[in-house]
Amino acid sequence: MANITFIEASGQSTTVDLPDGWSLMQGATANGVDGILGECGGSCACATCHCYVADDFLAKVLPASDTELAMLDNVASERRPNSRLACQIKASADLEGMVVHLPETQE
């Protein structure tokens, strides 16, 4: 399990304890975090779970797949070097304390 902190564009912070194997998108939507829509249900087909991973955790998550990189070309908010899709990041003990910032809009 890992405590992941989601920081919405408004500054609202929510920390969620995610079971191993759950995606950040699953954890956010199951816990009412505003700012992640997850319209495709986590199949990496919509880019509505765009997030910004804190720089100190980028090396701890698996690299983005070609499919994810292609989807990141379609995000509604600014794409940054630390942009990822929350549906593609799975919780594990290595991510304990991770901070994820959410963009102003997903659509």
PDB file of N, CA and C in Angstrom:
ATOM      1  N   MET A   1       0.840  -1.179   0.000  1.00  0.00           N
ATOM      2  CA  MET A   1       0.000   0.000   0.000  1.00  0.00           C
ATOM      3  C   MET A   1       0.882   1.237   0.000  1.00  0.00           C
ATOM      4  N   ALA A   2       0.286   2.311  -0.498  1.00  0.00           N
ATOM      5  CA  ALA A   2       1.031   3.562  -0.565  1.00  0.00           C
ATOM      6  C   ALA A   2       0.091   4.733  -0.349  1.00  0.00           C
ATOM      7  N   ASN A   3       0.522   5.679   0.444  1.00  0.00           N
ATOM      8  CA  ASN A   3      -0.201   6.936   0.608  1.00  0.00           C
ATOM      9  C   ASN A   3       0.208   7.857  -0.532  1.00  0.00           C
ATOM     10  N   ILE A   4      -0.769   8.231  -1.339  1.00  0.00           N
ATOM     11  CA  ILE A   4      -0.548   9.119  -2.477  1.00  0.00           C
ATOM     12  C   ILE A   4      -1.325  10.403  -2.210  1.00  0.00           C
ATOM     13  N   THR A   5      -0.672  11.551  -2.385  1.00  0.00           N
ATOM     14  CA  THR A   5      -1.334  12.830  -2.187  1.00  0.00           C
ATOM     15  C   THR A   5      -1.625  13.461  -3.537  1.00  0.00           C
ATOM     16  N   PHE A   6      -2.897  13.745  -3.763  1.00  0.00           N
ATOM     17  CA  PHE A   6      -3.357  14.425  -4.969  1.00  0.00           C
ATOM     18  C   PHE A   6      -3.591  15.883  -4.620  1.00  0.00           C
ATOM     19  N   ILE A   7      -3.008  16.778  -5.389  1.00  0.00           N
ATOM     20  CA  ILE A   7      -3.209  18.205  -5.178  1.00  0.00           C
ATOM     21  C   ILE A   7      -3.932  18.756  -6.397  1.00  0.00           C
ATOM     22  N   GLU A   8      -5.167  19.173  -6.164  1.00  0.00           N
ATOM     23  CA  GLU A   8      -6.003  19.704  -7.236  1.00  0.00           C
ATOM     24  C   GLU A   8      -5.510  21.088  -7.642  1.00  0.00           C
ATOM     25  N   ALA A   9      -5.918  21.541  -8.813  1.00  0.00           N
ATOM     26  CA  ALA A   9      -5.513  22.860  -9.313  1.00  0.00           C
ATOM     27  C   ALA A   9      -5.909  23.969  -8.343  1.00  0.00           C
ATOM     28  N   SER A  10      -6.980  23.756  -7.593  1.00  0.00           N
ATOM     29  CA  SER A  10      -7.441  24.741  -6.604  1.00  0.00           C
ATOM     30  C   SER A  10      -6.552  24.802  -5.368  1.00  0.00           C
ATOM     31  N   GLY A  11      -5.682  23.796  -5.212  1.00  0.00           N
ATOM     32  CA  GLY A  11      -4.831  23.705  -4.034  1.00  0.00           C
ATOM     33  C   GLY A  11      -5.323  22.694  -3.012  1.00  0.00           C
ATOM     34  N   GLN A  12      -6.564  22.218  -3.188  1.00  0.00           N
ATOM     35  CA  GLN A  12      -7.124  21.194  -2.295  1.00  0.00           C
ATOM     36  C   GLN A  12      -6.248  19.947  -2.353  1.00  0.00           C
ATOM     37  N   SER A  13      -5.880  19.448  -1.198  1.00  0.00           N
ATOM     38  CA  SER A  13      -5.009  18.275  -1.090  1.00  0.00           C
ATOM     39  C   SER A  13      -5.781  17.108  -0.479  1.00  0.00           C
ATOM     40  N   THR A  14      -5.651  15.931  -1.101  1.00  0.00           N
ATOM     41  CA  THR A  14      -6.298  14.723  -0.597  1.00  0.00           C
ATOM     42  C   THR A  14      -5.279  13.595  -0.616  1.00  0.00           C
ATOM     43  N   THR A  15      -5.090  12.939   0.514  1.00  0.00           N
ATOM     44  CA  THR A  15      -4.187  11.797   0.587  1.00  0.00           C
ATOM     45  C   THR A  15      -5.018  10.532   0.658  1.00  0.00           C
ATOM     46  N   VAL A  16      -4.653   9.582  -0.197  1.00  0.00           N
ATOM     47  CA  VAL A  16      -5.383   8.328  -0.332  1.00  0.00           C
ATOM     48  C   VAL A  16      -4.417   7.173  -0.126  1.00  0.00           C
ATOM     49  N   ASP A  17      -4.834   6.186   0.657  1.00  0.00           N
ATOM     50  CA  ASP A  17      -4.033   4.974   0.866  1.00  0.00           C
ATOM     51  C   ASP A  17      -4.458   3.957  -0.188  1.00  0.00           C
ATOM     52  N   LEU A  18      -3.604   3.721  -1.168  1.00  0.00           N
ATOM     53  CA  LEU A  18      -3.945   2.844  -2.285  1.00  0.00           C
ATOM     54  C   LEU A  18      -3.352   1.451  -2.114  1.00  0.00           C
ATOM     55  N   PRO A  19      -4.166   0.417  -2.330  1.00  0.00           N
ATOM     56  CA  PRO A  19      -3.634  -0.953  -2.309  1.00  0.00           C
ATOM     57  C   PRO A  19      -2.663  -1.172  -3.466  1.00  0.00           C
ATOM     58  N   ASP A  20      -1.691  -2.032  -3.275  1.00  0.00           N
ATOM     59  CA  ASP A  20      -0.763  -2.375  -4.348  1.00  0.00           C
ATOM     60  C   ASP A  20      -1.539  -2.838  -5.573  1.00  0.00           C
ATOM     61  N   GLY A  21      -1.115  -2.355  -6.736  1.00  0.00           N
ATOM     62  CA  GLY A  21      -1.736  -2.752  -7.989  1.00  0.00           C
ATOM     63  C   GLY A  21      -2.850  -1.848  -8.464  1.00  0.00           C
ATOM     64  N   TRP A  22      -3.410  -1.033  -7.574  1.00  0.00           N
ATOM     65  CA  TRP A  22      -4.426  -0.074  -7.996  1.00  0.00           C
ATOM     66  C   TRP A  22      -3.745   1.045  -8.763  1.00  0.00           C
ATOM     67  N   SER A  23      -4.402   1.537  -9.793  1.00  0.00           N
ATOM     68  CA  SER A  23      -3.849   2.686 -10.500  1.00  0.00           C
ATOM     69  C   SER A  23      -4.169   3.952  -9.711  1.00  0.00           C
ATOM     70  N   LEU A  24      -3.379   4.974  -9.949  1.00  0.00           N
ATOM     71  CA  LEU A  24      -3.655   6.258  -9.301  1.00  0.00           C
ATOM     72  C   LEU A  24      -5.037   6.766  -9.707  1.00  0.00           C
ATOM     73  N   MET A  25      -5.442   6.513 -10.953  1.00  0.00           N
ATOM     74  CA  MET A  25      -6.768   6.919 -11.407  1.00  0.00           C
ATOM     75  C   MET A  25      -7.853   6.212 -10.612  1.00  0.00           C
ATOM     76  N   GLN A  26      -7.729   4.912 -10.402  1.00  0.00           N
ATOM     77  CA  GLN A  26      -8.711   4.166  -9.619  1.00  0.00           C
ATOM     78  C   GLN A  26      -8.826   4.743  -8.215  1.00  0.00           C
ATOM     79  N   GLY A  27      -7.692   5.004  -7.600  1.00  0.00           N
ATOM     80  CA  GLY A  27      -7.689   5.535  -6.248  1.00  0.00           C
ATOM     81  C   GLY A  27      -8.327   6.905  -6.167  1.00  0.00           C
ATOM     82  N   ALA A  28      -8.037   7.751  -7.146  1.00  0.00           N
ATOM     83  CA  ALA A  28      -8.602   9.104  -7.147  1.00  0.00           C
ATOM     84  C   ALA A  28     -10.105   9.073  -7.362  1.00  0.00           C
ATOM     85  N   THR A  29     -10.560   8.323  -8.340  1.00  0.00           N
ATOM     86  CA  THR A  29     -12.000   8.305  -8.628  1.00  0.00           C
ATOM     87  C   THR A  29     -12.780   7.608  -7.515  1.00  0.00           C
ATOM     88  N   ALA A  30     -12.214   6.571  -6.924  1.00  0.00           N
ATOM     89  CA  ALA A  30     -12.907   5.855  -5.840  1.00  0.00           C
ATOM     90  C   ALA A  30     -13.004   6.695  -4.573  1.00  0.00           C
ATOM     91  N   ASN A  31     -12.140   7.702  -4.461  1.00  0.00           N
ATOM     92  CA  ASN A  31     -12.117   8.519  -3.252  1.00  0.00           C
ATOM     93  C   ASN A  31     -12.569   9.954  -3.485  1.00  0.00           C
ATOM     94  N   GLY A  32     -13.238  10.192  -4.606  1.00  0.00           N
ATOM     95  CA  GLY A  32     -13.834  11.492  -4.859  1.00  0.00           C
ATOM     96  C   GLY A  32     -12.883  12.638  -5.103  1.00  0.00           C
ATOM     97  N   VAL A  33     -11.687  12.341  -5.593  1.00  0.00           N
ATOM     98  CA  VAL A  33     -10.736  13.413  -5.904  1.00  0.00           C
ATOM     99  C   VAL A  33     -11.201  14.110  -7.176  1.00  0.00           C
ATOM    100  N   ASP A  34     -11.461  15.418  -7.069  1.00  0.00           N
ATOM    101  CA  ASP A  34     -11.837  16.188  -8.250  1.00  0.00           C
ATOM    102  C   ASP A  34     -10.602  16.409  -9.110  1.00  0.00           C
ATOM    103  N   GLY A  35     -10.810  16.422 -10.408  1.00  0.00           N
ATOM    104  CA  GLY A  35      -9.694  16.720 -11.307  1.00  0.00           C
ATOM    105  C   GLY A  35      -9.218  15.530 -12.100  1.00  0.00           C
ATOM    106  N   ILE A  36      -9.658  14.342 -11.761  1.00  0.00           N
ATOM    107  CA  ILE A  36      -9.372  13.156 -12.570  1.00  0.00           C
ATOM    108  C   ILE A  36     -10.714  12.572 -12.974  1.00  0.00           C
ATOM    109  N   LEU A  37     -10.936  12.520 -14.282  1.00  0.00           N
ATOM    110  CA  LEU A  37     -12.205  12.008 -14.790  1.00  0.00           C
ATOM    111  C   LEU A  37     -12.137  10.510 -15.082  1.00  0.00           C
ATOM    112  N   GLY A  38     -11.106  10.081 -15.785  1.00  0.00           N
ATOM    113  CA  GLY A  38     -10.968   8.664 -16.111  1.00  0.00           C
ATOM    114  C   GLY A  38     -12.109   8.143 -16.966  1.00  0.00           C
ATOM    115  N   GLU A  39     -12.478   8.902 -17.989  1.00  0.00           N
ATOM    116  CA  GLU A  39     -13.628   8.559 -18.817  1.00  0.00           C
ATOM    117  C   GLU A  39     -13.523   7.191 -19.492  1.00  0.00           C
ATOM    118  N   CYS A  40     -12.323   6.738 -19.813  1.00  0.00           N
ATOM    119  CA  CYS A  40     -12.181   5.445 -20.500  1.00  0.00           C
ATOM    120  C   CYS A  40     -12.050   4.286 -19.520  1.00  0.00           C
ATOM    121  N   GLY A  41     -12.107   4.591 -18.227  1.00  0.00           N
ATOM    122  CA  GLY A  41     -12.046   3.528 -17.223  1.00  0.00           C
ATOM    123  C   GLY A  41     -10.661   2.950 -16.995  1.00  0.00           C
ATOM    124  N   GLY A  42      -9.652   3.597 -17.519  1.00  0.00           N
ATOM    125  CA  GLY A  42      -8.285   3.148 -17.282  1.00  0.00           C
ATOM    126  C   GLY A  42      -7.659   2.377 -18.423  1.00  0.00           C
ATOM    127  N   SER A  43      -8.231   2.477 -19.617  1.00  0.00           N
ATOM    128  CA  SER A  43      -7.686   1.728 -20.752  1.00  0.00           C
ATOM    129  C   SER A  43      -6.710   2.537 -21.598  1.00  0.00           C
ATOM    130  N   CYS A  44      -6.277   3.670 -21.089  1.00  0.00           N
ATOM    131  CA  CYS A  44      -5.287   4.518 -21.771  1.00  0.00           C
ATOM    132  C   CYS A  44      -5.806   4.962 -23.137  1.00  0.00           C
ATOM    133  N   ALA A  45      -7.069   5.420 -23.146  1.00  0.00           N
ATOM    134  CA  ALA A  45      -7.685   5.789 -24.420  1.00  0.00           C
ATOM    135  C   ALA A  45      -8.336   7.168 -24.411  1.00  0.00           C
ATOM    136  N   CYS A  46      -8.167   7.962 -23.324  1.00  0.00           N
ATOM    137  CA  CYS A  46      -8.879   9.239 -23.314  1.00  0.00           C
ATOM    138  C   CYS A  46      -8.062  10.416 -22.780  1.00  0.00           C
ATOM    139  N   ALA A  47      -7.044  10.191 -22.024  1.00  0.00           N
ATOM    140  CA  ALA A  47      -6.184  11.246 -21.453  1.00  0.00           C
ATOM    141  C   ALA A  47      -6.896  12.143 -20.449  1.00  0.00           C
ATOM    142  N   THR A  48      -8.024  11.690 -19.856  1.00  0.00           N
ATOM    143  CA  THR A  48      -8.726  12.515 -18.860  1.00  0.00           C
ATOM    144  C   THR A  48      -8.292  12.186 -17.428  1.00  0.00           C
ATOM    145  N   CYS A  49      -7.140  11.547 -17.311  1.00  0.00           N
ATOM    146  CA  CYS A  49      -6.549  11.323 -15.985  1.00  0.00           C
ATOM    147  C   CYS A  49      -5.122  11.868 -15.967  1.00  0.00           C
ATOM    148  N   HIS A  50      -4.912  12.877 -16.800  1.00  0.00           N
ATOM    149  CA  HIS A  50      -3.617  13.548 -16.885  1.00  0.00           C
ATOM    150  C   HIS A  50      -3.216  14.075 -15.510  1.00  0.00           C
ATOM    151  N   CYS A  51      -1.964  13.883 -15.166  1.00  0.00           N
ATOM    152  CA  CYS A  51      -1.451  14.394 -13.894  1.00  0.00           C
ATOM    153  C   CYS A  51       0.015  14.739 -14.044  1.00  0.00           C
ATOM    154  N   TYR A  52       0.517  15.438 -13.040  1.00  0.00           N
ATOM    155  CA  TYR A  52       1.926  15.817 -12.990  1.00  0.00           C
ATOM    156  C   TYR A  52       2.556  15.120 -11.783  1.00  0.00           C
ATOM    157  N   VAL A  53       3.487  14.220 -12.060  1.00  0.00           N
ATOM    158  CA  VAL A  53       4.156  13.458 -11.005  1.00  0.00           C
ATOM    159  C   VAL A  53       5.288  14.300 -10.424  1.00  0.00           C
ATOM    160  N   ALA A  54       5.360  14.360  -9.105  1.00  0.00           N
ATOM    161  CA  ALA A  54       6.447  15.100  -8.451  1.00  0.00           C
ATOM    162  C   ALA A  54       7.783  14.569  -8.944  1.00  0.00           C
ATOM    163  N   ASP A  55       8.692  15.474  -9.239  1.00  0.00           N
ATOM    164  CA  ASP A  55       9.969  15.112  -9.843  1.00  0.00           C
ATOM    165  C   ASP A  55      10.731  14.037  -9.072  1.00  0.00           C
ATOM    166  N   ASP A  56      10.651  14.058  -7.736  1.00  0.00           N
ATOM    167  CA  ASP A  56      11.407  13.084  -6.952  1.00  0.00           C
ATOM    168  C   ASP A  56      10.827  11.668  -7.038  1.00  0.00           C
ATOM    169  N   PHE A  57       9.692  11.500  -7.714  1.00  0.00           N
ATOM    170  CA  PHE A  57       9.113  10.169  -7.891  1.00  0.00           C
ATOM    171  C   PHE A  57       9.159   9.695  -9.339  1.00  0.00           C
ATOM    172  N   LEU A  58       9.578  10.539 -10.254  1.00  0.00           N
ATOM    173  CA  LEU A  58       9.583  10.141 -11.668  1.00  0.00           C
ATOM    174  C   LEU A  58      10.409   8.882 -11.917  1.00  0.00           C
ATOM    175  N   ALA A  59      11.533   8.750 -11.257  1.00  0.00           N
ATOM    176  CA  ALA A  59      12.395   7.578 -11.461  1.00  0.00           C
ATOM    177  C   ALA A  59      11.820   6.317 -10.825  1.00  0.00           C
ATOM    178  N   LYS A  60      10.815   6.471  -9.967  1.00  0.00           N
ATOM    179  CA  LYS A  60      10.236   5.321  -9.278  1.00  0.00           C
ATOM    180  C   LYS A  60       9.049   4.708 -10.014  1.00  0.00           C
ATOM    181  N   VAL A  61       8.537   5.391 -11.021  1.00  0.00           N
ATOM    182  CA  VAL A  61       7.425   4.840 -11.804  1.00  0.00           C
ATOM    183  C   VAL A  61       7.974   4.277 -13.104  1.00  0.00           C
ATOM    184  N   LEU A  62       7.289   3.275 -13.627  1.00  0.00           N
ATOM    185  CA  LEU A  62       7.710   2.696 -14.901  1.00  0.00           C
ATOM    186  C   LEU A  62       7.624   3.760 -15.986  1.00  0.00           C
ATOM    187  N   PRO A  63       8.510   3.696 -16.972  1.00  0.00           N
ATOM    188  CA  PRO A  63       8.449   4.671 -18.062  1.00  0.00           C
ATOM    189  C   PRO A  63       7.120   4.572 -18.811  1.00  0.00           C
ATOM    190  N   ALA A  64       6.708   5.669 -19.401  1.00  0.00           N
ATOM    191  CA  ALA A  64       5.473   5.691 -20.176  1.00  0.00           C
ATOM    192  C   ALA A  64       5.625   4.831 -21.424  1.00  0.00           C
ATOM    193  N   SER A  65       4.572   4.096 -21.742  1.00  0.00           N
ATOM    194  CA  SER A  65       4.557   3.277 -22.963  1.00  0.00           C
ATOM    195  C   SER A  65       4.349   4.193 -24.175  1.00  0.00           C
ATOM    196  N   ASP A  66       4.547   3.649 -25.361  1.00  0.00           N
ATOM    197  CA  ASP A  66       4.298   4.424 -26.578  1.00  0.00           C
ATOM    198  C   ASP A  66       2.841   4.867 -26.650  1.00  0.00           C
ATOM    199  N   THR A  67       1.923   4.008 -26.215  1.00  0.00           N
ATOM    200  CA  THR A  67       0.501   4.350 -26.224  1.00  0.00           C
ATOM    201  C   THR A  67       0.232   5.522 -25.288  1.00  0.00           C
ATOM    202  N   GLU A  68       0.809   5.473 -24.093  1.00  0.00           N
ATOM    203  CA  GLU A  68       0.615   6.581 -23.154  1.00  0.00           C
ATOM    204  C   GLU A  68       1.209   7.867 -23.705  1.00  0.00           C
ATOM    205  N   LEU A  69       2.392   7.801 -24.280  1.00  0.00           N
ATOM    206  CA  LEU A  69       3.017   8.997 -24.844  1.00  0.00           C
ATOM    207  C   LEU A  69       2.147   9.597 -25.947  1.00  0.00           C
ATOM    208  N   ALA A  70       1.545   8.746 -26.762  1.00  0.00           N
ATOM    209  CA  ALA A  70       0.652   9.231 -27.819  1.00  0.00           C
ATOM    210  C   ALA A  70      -0.573   9.902 -27.220  1.00  0.00           C
ATOM    211  N   MET A  71      -1.129   9.332 -26.158  1.00  0.00           N
ATOM    212  CA  MET A  71      -2.295   9.928 -25.512  1.00  0.00           C
ATOM    213  C   MET A  71      -1.939  11.268 -24.859  1.00  0.00           C
ATOM    214  N   LEU A  72      -0.743  11.379 -24.333  1.00  0.00           N
ATOM    215  CA  LEU A  72      -0.321  12.635 -23.707  1.00  0.00           C
ATOM    216  C   LEU A  72      -0.240  13.774 -24.714  1.00  0.00           C
ATOM    217  N   ASP A  73      -0.177  13.451 -26.004  1.00  0.00           N
ATOM    218  CA  ASP A  73      -0.216  14.493 -27.036  1.00  0.00           C
ATOM    219  C   ASP A  73      -1.590  15.145 -27.115  1.00  0.00           C
ATOM    220  N   ASN A  74      -2.591  14.520 -26.482  1.00  0.00           N
ATOM    221  CA  ASN A  74      -3.970  14.995 -26.581  1.00  0.00           C
ATOM    222  C   ASN A  74      -4.522  15.581 -25.280  1.00  0.00           C
ATOM    223  N   VAL A  75      -3.672  15.861 -24.318  1.00  0.00           N
ATOM    224  CA  VAL A  75      -4.178  16.375 -23.047  1.00  0.00           C
ATOM    225  C   VAL A  75      -4.704  17.794 -23.206  1.00  0.00           C
ATOM    226  N   ALA A  76      -5.703  18.135 -22.383  1.00  0.00           N
ATOM    227  CA  ALA A  76      -6.354  19.445 -22.463  1.00  0.00           C
ATOM    228  C   ALA A  76      -5.520  20.549 -21.818  1.00  0.00           C
ATOM    229  N   SER A  77      -4.774  20.210 -20.789  1.00  0.00           N
ATOM    230  CA  SER A  77      -3.921  21.182 -20.106  1.00  0.00           C
ATOM    231  C   SER A  77      -2.481  21.009 -20.577  1.00  0.00           C
ATOM    232  N   GLU A  78      -1.651  21.945 -20.185  1.00  0.00           N
ATOM    233  CA  GLU A  78      -0.253  21.941 -20.600  1.00  0.00           C
ATOM    234  C   GLU A  78       0.418  20.590 -20.342  1.00  0.00           C
ATOM    235  N   ARG A  79       1.079  20.063 -21.360  1.00  0.00           N
ATOM    236  CA  ARG A  79       1.895  18.863 -21.189  1.00  0.00           C
ATOM    237  C   ARG A  79       3.271  19.309 -20.717  1.00  0.00           C
ATOM    238  N   ARG A  80       3.740  18.660 -19.662  1.00  0.00           N
ATOM    239  CA  ARG A  80       5.039  18.985 -19.067  1.00  0.00           C
ATOM    240  C   ARG A  80       5.925  17.741 -19.082  1.00  0.00           C
ATOM    241  N   PRO A  81       7.221  17.900 -18.792  1.00  0.00           N
ATOM    242  CA  PRO A  81       8.102  16.726 -18.753  1.00  0.00           C
ATOM    243  C   PRO A  81       7.666  15.669 -17.739  1.00  0.00           C
ATOM    244  N   ASN A  82       6.931  16.082 -16.693  1.00  0.00           N
ATOM    245  CA  ASN A  82       6.481  15.139 -15.666  1.00  0.00           C
ATOM    246  C   ASN A  82       5.011  14.742 -15.851  1.00  0.00           C
ATOM    247  N   SER A  83       4.452  15.001 -17.026  1.00  0.00           N
ATOM    248  CA  SER A  83       3.072  14.610 -17.318  1.00  0.00           C
ATOM    249  C   SER A  83       2.977  13.101 -17.479  1.00  0.00           C
ATOM    250  N   ARG A  84       1.954  12.544 -16.851  1.00  0.00           N
ATOM    251  CA  ARG A  84       1.653  11.116 -16.986  1.00  0.00           C
ATOM    252  C   ARG A  84       0.146  10.936 -16.955  1.00  0.00           C
ATOM    253  N   LEU A  85      -0.290   9.741 -17.338  1.00  0.00           N
ATOM    254  CA  LEU A  85      -1.692   9.365 -17.188  1.00  0.00           C
ATOM    255  C   LEU A  85      -1.795   8.544 -15.919  1.00  0.00           C
ATOM    256  N   ALA A  86      -2.674   8.966 -15.028  1.00  0.00           N
ATOM    257  CA  ALA A  86      -2.806   8.307 -13.724  1.00  0.00           C
ATOM    258  C   ALA A  86      -3.266   6.860 -13.853  1.00  0.00           C
ATOM    259  N   CYS A  87      -3.913   6.515 -14.945  1.00  0.00           N
ATOM    260  CA  CYS A  87      -4.360   5.126 -15.138  1.00  0.00           C
ATOM    261  C   CYS A  87      -3.202   4.183 -15.407  1.00  0.00           C
ATOM    262  N   GLN A  88      -2.043   4.725 -15.736  1.00  0.00           N
ATOM    263  CA  GLN A  88      -0.895   3.893 -16.099  1.00  0.00           C
ATOM    264  C   GLN A  88       0.131   3.757 -14.982  1.00  0.00           C
ATOM    265  N   ILE A  89      -0.138   4.368 -13.843  1.00  0.00           N
ATOM    266  CA  ILE A  89       0.781   4.276 -12.698  1.00  0.00           C
ATOM    267  C   ILE A  89       0.117   3.435 -11.618  1.00  0.00           C
ATOM    268  N   LYS A  90       0.753   2.328 -11.274  1.00  0.00           N
ATOM    269  CA  LYS A  90       0.209   1.399 -10.284  1.00  0.00           C
ATOM    270  C   LYS A  90       0.858   1.637  -8.925  1.00  0.00           C
ATOM    271  N   ALA A  91       0.031   1.642  -7.899  1.00  0.00           N
ATOM    272  CA  ALA A  91       0.515   1.851  -6.535  1.00  0.00           C
ATOM    273  C   ALA A  91       1.378   0.683  -6.092  1.00  0.00           C
ATOM    274  N   SER A  92       2.410   1.001  -5.338  1.00  0.00           N
ATOM    275  CA  SER A  92       3.284   0.012  -4.700  1.00  0.00           C
ATOM    276  C   SER A  92       3.969   0.704  -3.535  1.00  0.00           C
ATOM    277  N   ALA A  93       4.600  -0.076  -2.685  1.00  0.00           N
ATOM    278  CA  ALA A  93       5.282   0.489  -1.521  1.00  0.00           C
ATOM    279  C   ALA A  93       6.349   1.501  -1.932  1.00  0.00           C
ATOM    280  N   ASP A  94       6.930   1.340  -3.122  1.00  0.00           N
ATOM    281  CA  ASP A  94       7.949   2.274  -3.611  1.00  0.00           C
ATOM    282  C   ASP A  94       7.401   3.684  -3.816  1.00  0.00           C
ATOM    283  N   LEU A  95       6.089   3.796  -3.954  1.00  0.00           N
ATOM    284  CA  LEU A  95       5.482   5.105  -4.205  1.00  0.00           C
ATOM    285  C   LEU A  95       4.940   5.771  -2.948  1.00  0.00           C
ATOM    286  N   GLU A  96       5.222   5.201  -1.797  1.00  0.00           N
ATOM    287  CA  GLU A  96       4.773   5.780  -0.520  1.00  0.00           C
ATOM    288  C   GLU A  96       5.180   7.249  -0.440  1.00  0.00           C
ATOM    289  N   GLY A  97       4.195   8.105  -0.180  1.00  0.00           N
ATOM    290  CA  GLY A  97       4.451   9.536  -0.031  1.00  0.00           C
ATOM    291  C   GLY A  97       4.453  10.320  -1.328  1.00  0.00           C
ATOM    292  N   MET A  98       4.130   9.678  -2.427  1.00  0.00           N
ATOM    293  CA  MET A  98       4.130  10.338  -3.734  1.00  0.00           C
ATOM    294  C   MET A  98       3.126  11.488  -3.758  1.00  0.00           C
ATOM    295  N   VAL A  99       3.518  12.569  -4.430  1.00  0.00           N
ATOM    296  CA  VAL A  99       2.649  13.725  -4.617  1.00  0.00           C
ATOM    297  C   VAL A  99       2.373  13.862  -6.109  1.00  0.00           C
ATOM    298  N   VAL A 100       1.086  14.025  -6.428  1.00  0.00           N
ATOM    299  CA  VAL A 100       0.642  14.166  -7.805  1.00  0.00           C
ATOM    300  C   VAL A 100      -0.186  15.440  -7.903  1.00  0.00           C
ATOM    301  N   HIS A 101       0.199  16.319  -8.792  1.00  0.00           N
ATOM    302  CA  HIS A 101      -0.564  17.549  -9.033  1.00  0.00           C
ATOM    303  C   HIS A 101      -1.505  17.322 -10.199  1.00  0.00           C
ATOM    304  N   LEU A 102      -2.695  17.897 -10.103  1.00  0.00           N
ATOM    305  CA  LEU A 102      -3.688  17.742 -11.155  1.00  0.00           C
ATOM    306  C   LEU A 102      -3.800  19.038 -11.955  1.00  0.00           C
ATOM    307  N   PRO A 103      -4.023  18.924 -13.253  1.00  0.00           N
ATOM    308  CA  PRO A 103      -4.116  20.118 -14.098  1.00  0.00           C
ATOM    309  C   PRO A 103      -5.438  20.861 -13.887  1.00  0.00           C
ATOM    310  N   GLU A 104      -5.516  22.046 -14.461  1.00  0.00           N
ATOM    311  CA  GLU A 104      -6.725  22.871 -14.330  1.00  0.00           C
ATOM    312  C   GLU A 104      -7.937  22.224 -14.974  1.00  0.00           C
ATOM    313  N   THR A 105      -7.737  21.497 -16.066  1.00  0.00           N
ATOM    314  CA  THR A 105      -8.860  20.863 -16.761  1.00  0.00           C
ATOM    315  C   THR A 105      -8.422  19.564 -17.411  1.00  0.00           C
ATOM    316  N   GLN A 106      -9.374  18.668 -17.577  1.00  0.00           N
ATOM    317  CA  GLN A 106      -9.129  17.416 -18.298  1.00  0.00           C
ATOM    318  C   GLN A 106      -9.842  17.421 -19.645  1.00  0.00           C
ATOM    319  N   GLU A 107     -10.685  18.395 -19.865  1.00  0.00           N
ATOM    320  CA  GLU A 107     -11.446  18.448 -21.125  1.00  0.00           C
ATOM    321  C   GLU A 107     -11.208  19.743 -21.844  1.00  0.00           C
TER     322      GLU A 107
END
